[in-house]
């Protein structure tokens, strides 16, 4: 599905796909600020959170956008 989304974005002239991703294991650390949790990495440099790892392995970059 992600490949199809990227292909469609390119076909429409966009250079990237932006999507919100909810970390799947955040509930295990409710006290941790999201800003810190979302950017935590393992020794191999991949995200600590398993769902964020899936997206980074698929080519995603992690960015933080604050609500206005």
N, C-alpha and C. Protein backbone atom coordinates (compact mmCIF):
# COMPACT_ATOMS: atom_id res chain seq x y z
N UNK A 1 0.82 -1.18 0.00
CA UNK A 1 0.00 0.00 0.00
C UNK A 1 0.87 1.26 0.00
N UNK A 2 1.94 1.23 0.78
CA UNK A 2 2.82 2.39 0.83
C UNK A 2 3.46 2.66 -0.53
N UNK A 3 3.84 1.59 -1.21
CA UNK A 3 4.42 1.76 -2.55
C UNK A 3 3.42 2.41 -3.50
N UNK A 4 2.17 2.00 -3.41
CA UNK A 4 1.13 2.59 -4.27
C UNK A 4 0.93 4.06 -3.94
N UNK A 5 0.98 4.39 -2.66
CA UNK A 5 0.83 5.79 -2.26
C UNK A 5 1.98 6.63 -2.81
N UNK A 6 3.21 6.10 -2.70
CA UNK A 6 4.37 6.83 -3.23
C UNK A 6 4.28 7.00 -4.74
N UNK A 7 3.91 5.92 -5.42
CA UNK A 7 3.79 5.98 -6.89
C UNK A 7 2.74 6.99 -7.31
N UNK A 8 1.63 7.01 -6.62
CA UNK A 8 0.56 7.96 -6.95
C UNK A 8 1.02 9.40 -6.69
N UNK A 9 1.71 9.62 -5.59
CA UNK A 9 2.21 10.96 -5.29
C UNK A 9 3.17 11.44 -6.37
N UNK A 10 4.07 10.56 -6.78
CA UNK A 10 5.02 10.93 -7.86
C UNK A 10 4.28 11.23 -9.15
N UNK A 11 3.29 10.40 -9.48
CA UNK A 11 2.51 10.60 -10.71
C UNK A 11 1.78 11.94 -10.70
N UNK A 12 1.43 12.41 -9.53
CA UNK A 12 0.73 13.69 -9.39
C UNK A 12 1.70 14.86 -9.24
N UNK A 13 3.01 14.58 -9.27
CA UNK A 13 3.99 15.64 -9.20
C UNK A 13 4.50 15.99 -7.82
N UNK A 14 4.16 15.20 -6.83
CA UNK A 14 4.63 15.46 -5.47
C UNK A 14 5.95 14.74 -5.22
N UNK A 15 6.80 15.33 -4.42
CA UNK A 15 8.11 14.74 -4.13
C UNK A 15 8.13 13.85 -2.92
N UNK A 16 7.07 13.91 -2.12
CA UNK A 16 7.05 13.09 -0.91
C UNK A 16 5.63 12.84 -0.46
N UNK A 17 5.47 11.84 0.39
CA UNK A 17 4.19 11.53 1.02
C UNK A 17 4.35 11.84 2.50
N UNK A 18 3.42 12.59 3.04
CA UNK A 18 3.46 12.94 4.46
C UNK A 18 2.26 12.27 5.13
N UNK A 19 2.55 11.51 6.19
CA UNK A 19 1.47 10.81 6.89
C UNK A 19 1.75 10.78 8.39
N UNK A 20 0.74 11.02 9.20
CA UNK A 20 0.93 10.89 10.65
C UNK A 20 1.03 9.41 11.02
N UNK A 21 1.93 9.10 11.90
CA UNK A 21 2.12 7.71 12.34
C UNK A 21 2.09 7.69 13.86
N UNK A 22 1.24 6.86 14.42
CA UNK A 22 1.14 6.74 15.87
C UNK A 22 2.05 5.62 16.35
N UNK A 23 3.00 5.92 17.25
CA UNK A 23 3.89 4.87 17.78
C UNK A 23 3.08 3.79 18.50
N UNK A 24 3.29 2.54 18.15
CA UNK A 24 2.46 1.46 18.67
C UNK A 24 2.76 1.07 20.12
N UNK A 25 3.94 1.36 20.62
CA UNK A 25 4.28 0.97 22.00
C UNK A 25 4.30 2.14 22.97
N UNK A 26 3.84 3.31 22.54
CA UNK A 26 3.87 4.49 23.41
C UNK A 26 3.07 4.28 24.68
N UNK A 27 2.01 3.50 24.62
CA UNK A 27 1.18 3.26 25.80
C UNK A 27 1.96 2.60 26.95
N UNK A 28 3.08 1.98 26.62
CA UNK A 28 3.90 1.35 27.67
C UNK A 28 4.69 2.37 28.46
N UNK A 29 4.79 3.59 27.94
CA UNK A 29 5.52 4.68 28.60
C UNK A 29 4.69 5.96 28.59
N UNK A 30 3.57 5.96 29.27
CA UNK A 30 2.68 7.13 29.22
C UNK A 30 3.30 8.40 29.79
N UNK A 31 4.29 8.27 30.63
CA UNK A 31 4.95 9.43 31.24
C UNK A 31 5.98 10.08 30.31
N UNK A 32 6.42 9.37 29.30
CA UNK A 32 7.45 9.90 28.39
C UNK A 32 6.84 10.93 27.45
N UNK A 33 7.44 12.11 27.34
CA UNK A 33 6.92 13.10 26.38
C UNK A 33 7.04 12.55 24.95
N UNK A 34 6.03 12.79 24.15
CA UNK A 34 6.03 12.30 22.77
C UNK A 34 7.25 12.80 22.00
N UNK A 35 7.64 14.05 22.25
CA UNK A 35 8.80 14.62 21.56
C UNK A 35 10.05 13.79 21.79
N UNK A 36 10.19 13.23 23.00
CA UNK A 36 11.36 12.41 23.32
C UNK A 36 11.17 10.99 22.82
N UNK A 37 10.00 10.42 23.06
CA UNK A 37 9.74 9.03 22.69
C UNK A 37 9.86 8.82 21.17
N UNK A 38 9.29 9.69 20.38
CA UNK A 38 9.25 9.52 18.93
C UNK A 38 10.64 9.53 18.30
N UNK A 39 11.60 10.17 18.94
CA UNK A 39 12.94 10.26 18.37
C UNK A 39 13.96 9.37 19.07
N UNK A 40 13.51 8.55 20.02
CA UNK A 40 14.41 7.64 20.71
C UNK A 40 14.89 6.56 19.74
N UNK A 41 16.16 6.23 19.78
CA UNK A 41 16.71 5.23 18.87
C UNK A 41 17.40 4.10 19.63
N UNK A 42 17.52 2.98 18.96
CA UNK A 42 18.23 1.83 19.48
C UNK A 42 19.71 1.98 19.12
N UNK A 43 20.53 1.02 19.56
CA UNK A 43 21.97 1.07 19.26
C UNK A 43 22.24 1.00 17.76
N UNK A 44 21.36 0.34 17.00
CA UNK A 44 21.57 0.23 15.56
C UNK A 44 21.10 1.46 14.79
N UNK A 45 20.61 2.47 15.53
CA UNK A 45 20.18 3.72 14.90
C UNK A 45 18.72 3.74 14.47
N UNK A 46 18.04 2.62 14.54
CA UNK A 46 16.61 2.58 14.19
C UNK A 46 15.76 3.03 15.37
N UNK A 47 14.53 3.46 15.09
CA UNK A 47 13.66 3.92 16.18
C UNK A 47 13.42 2.84 17.23
N UNK A 48 13.26 3.27 18.45
CA UNK A 48 12.95 2.39 19.58
C UNK A 48 11.58 1.74 19.39
N UNK A 49 10.62 2.49 18.90
CA UNK A 49 9.26 2.00 18.74
C UNK A 49 9.16 1.08 17.51
N UNK A 50 8.53 -0.09 17.66
CA UNK A 50 8.46 -1.05 16.54
C UNK A 50 7.72 -0.53 15.31
N UNK A 51 6.64 0.21 15.48
CA UNK A 51 5.89 0.69 14.32
C UNK A 51 6.65 1.80 13.60
N UNK A 52 7.32 2.66 14.35
CA UNK A 52 8.15 3.68 13.71
C UNK A 52 9.31 3.03 12.96
N UNK A 53 9.85 1.93 13.50
CA UNK A 53 10.93 1.19 12.82
C UNK A 53 10.47 0.69 11.46
N UNK A 54 9.25 0.16 11.40
CA UNK A 54 8.70 -0.33 10.12
C UNK A 54 8.72 0.79 9.08
N UNK A 55 8.29 1.97 9.48
CA UNK A 55 8.19 3.09 8.55
C UNK A 55 9.57 3.61 8.14
N UNK A 56 10.51 3.67 9.06
CA UNK A 56 11.86 4.12 8.71
C UNK A 56 12.51 3.12 7.76
N UNK A 57 12.32 1.83 8.01
CA UNK A 57 12.86 0.82 7.09
C UNK A 57 12.26 0.93 5.69
N UNK A 58 11.04 1.45 5.62
CA UNK A 58 10.36 1.63 4.32
C UNK A 58 10.77 2.94 3.65
N UNK A 59 11.65 3.71 4.30
CA UNK A 59 12.15 4.93 3.68
C UNK A 59 11.67 6.22 4.31
N UNK A 60 10.91 6.14 5.38
CA UNK A 60 10.41 7.36 6.02
C UNK A 60 11.50 8.09 6.80
N UNK A 61 11.29 9.37 6.96
CA UNK A 61 12.13 10.15 7.86
C UNK A 61 11.23 10.65 8.97
N UNK A 62 11.80 10.85 10.14
CA UNK A 62 10.98 11.29 11.27
C UNK A 62 11.09 12.80 11.40
N UNK A 63 9.94 13.42 11.42
CA UNK A 63 9.84 14.87 11.60
C UNK A 63 8.80 15.12 12.67
N UNK A 64 8.94 16.22 13.34
CA UNK A 64 7.99 16.56 14.39
C UNK A 64 7.27 17.83 13.99
N UNK A 65 5.97 17.77 13.93
CA UNK A 65 5.16 18.94 13.62
C UNK A 65 4.28 19.24 14.83
N UNK A 66 4.41 20.44 15.33
CA UNK A 66 3.60 20.82 16.49
C UNK A 66 2.25 21.37 16.04
N UNK A 67 1.26 21.14 16.86
CA UNK A 67 -0.07 21.71 16.58
C UNK A 67 0.01 23.20 16.77
N UNK A 68 -0.75 23.92 15.99
CA UNK A 68 -0.77 25.38 16.11
C UNK A 68 -1.87 25.80 17.02
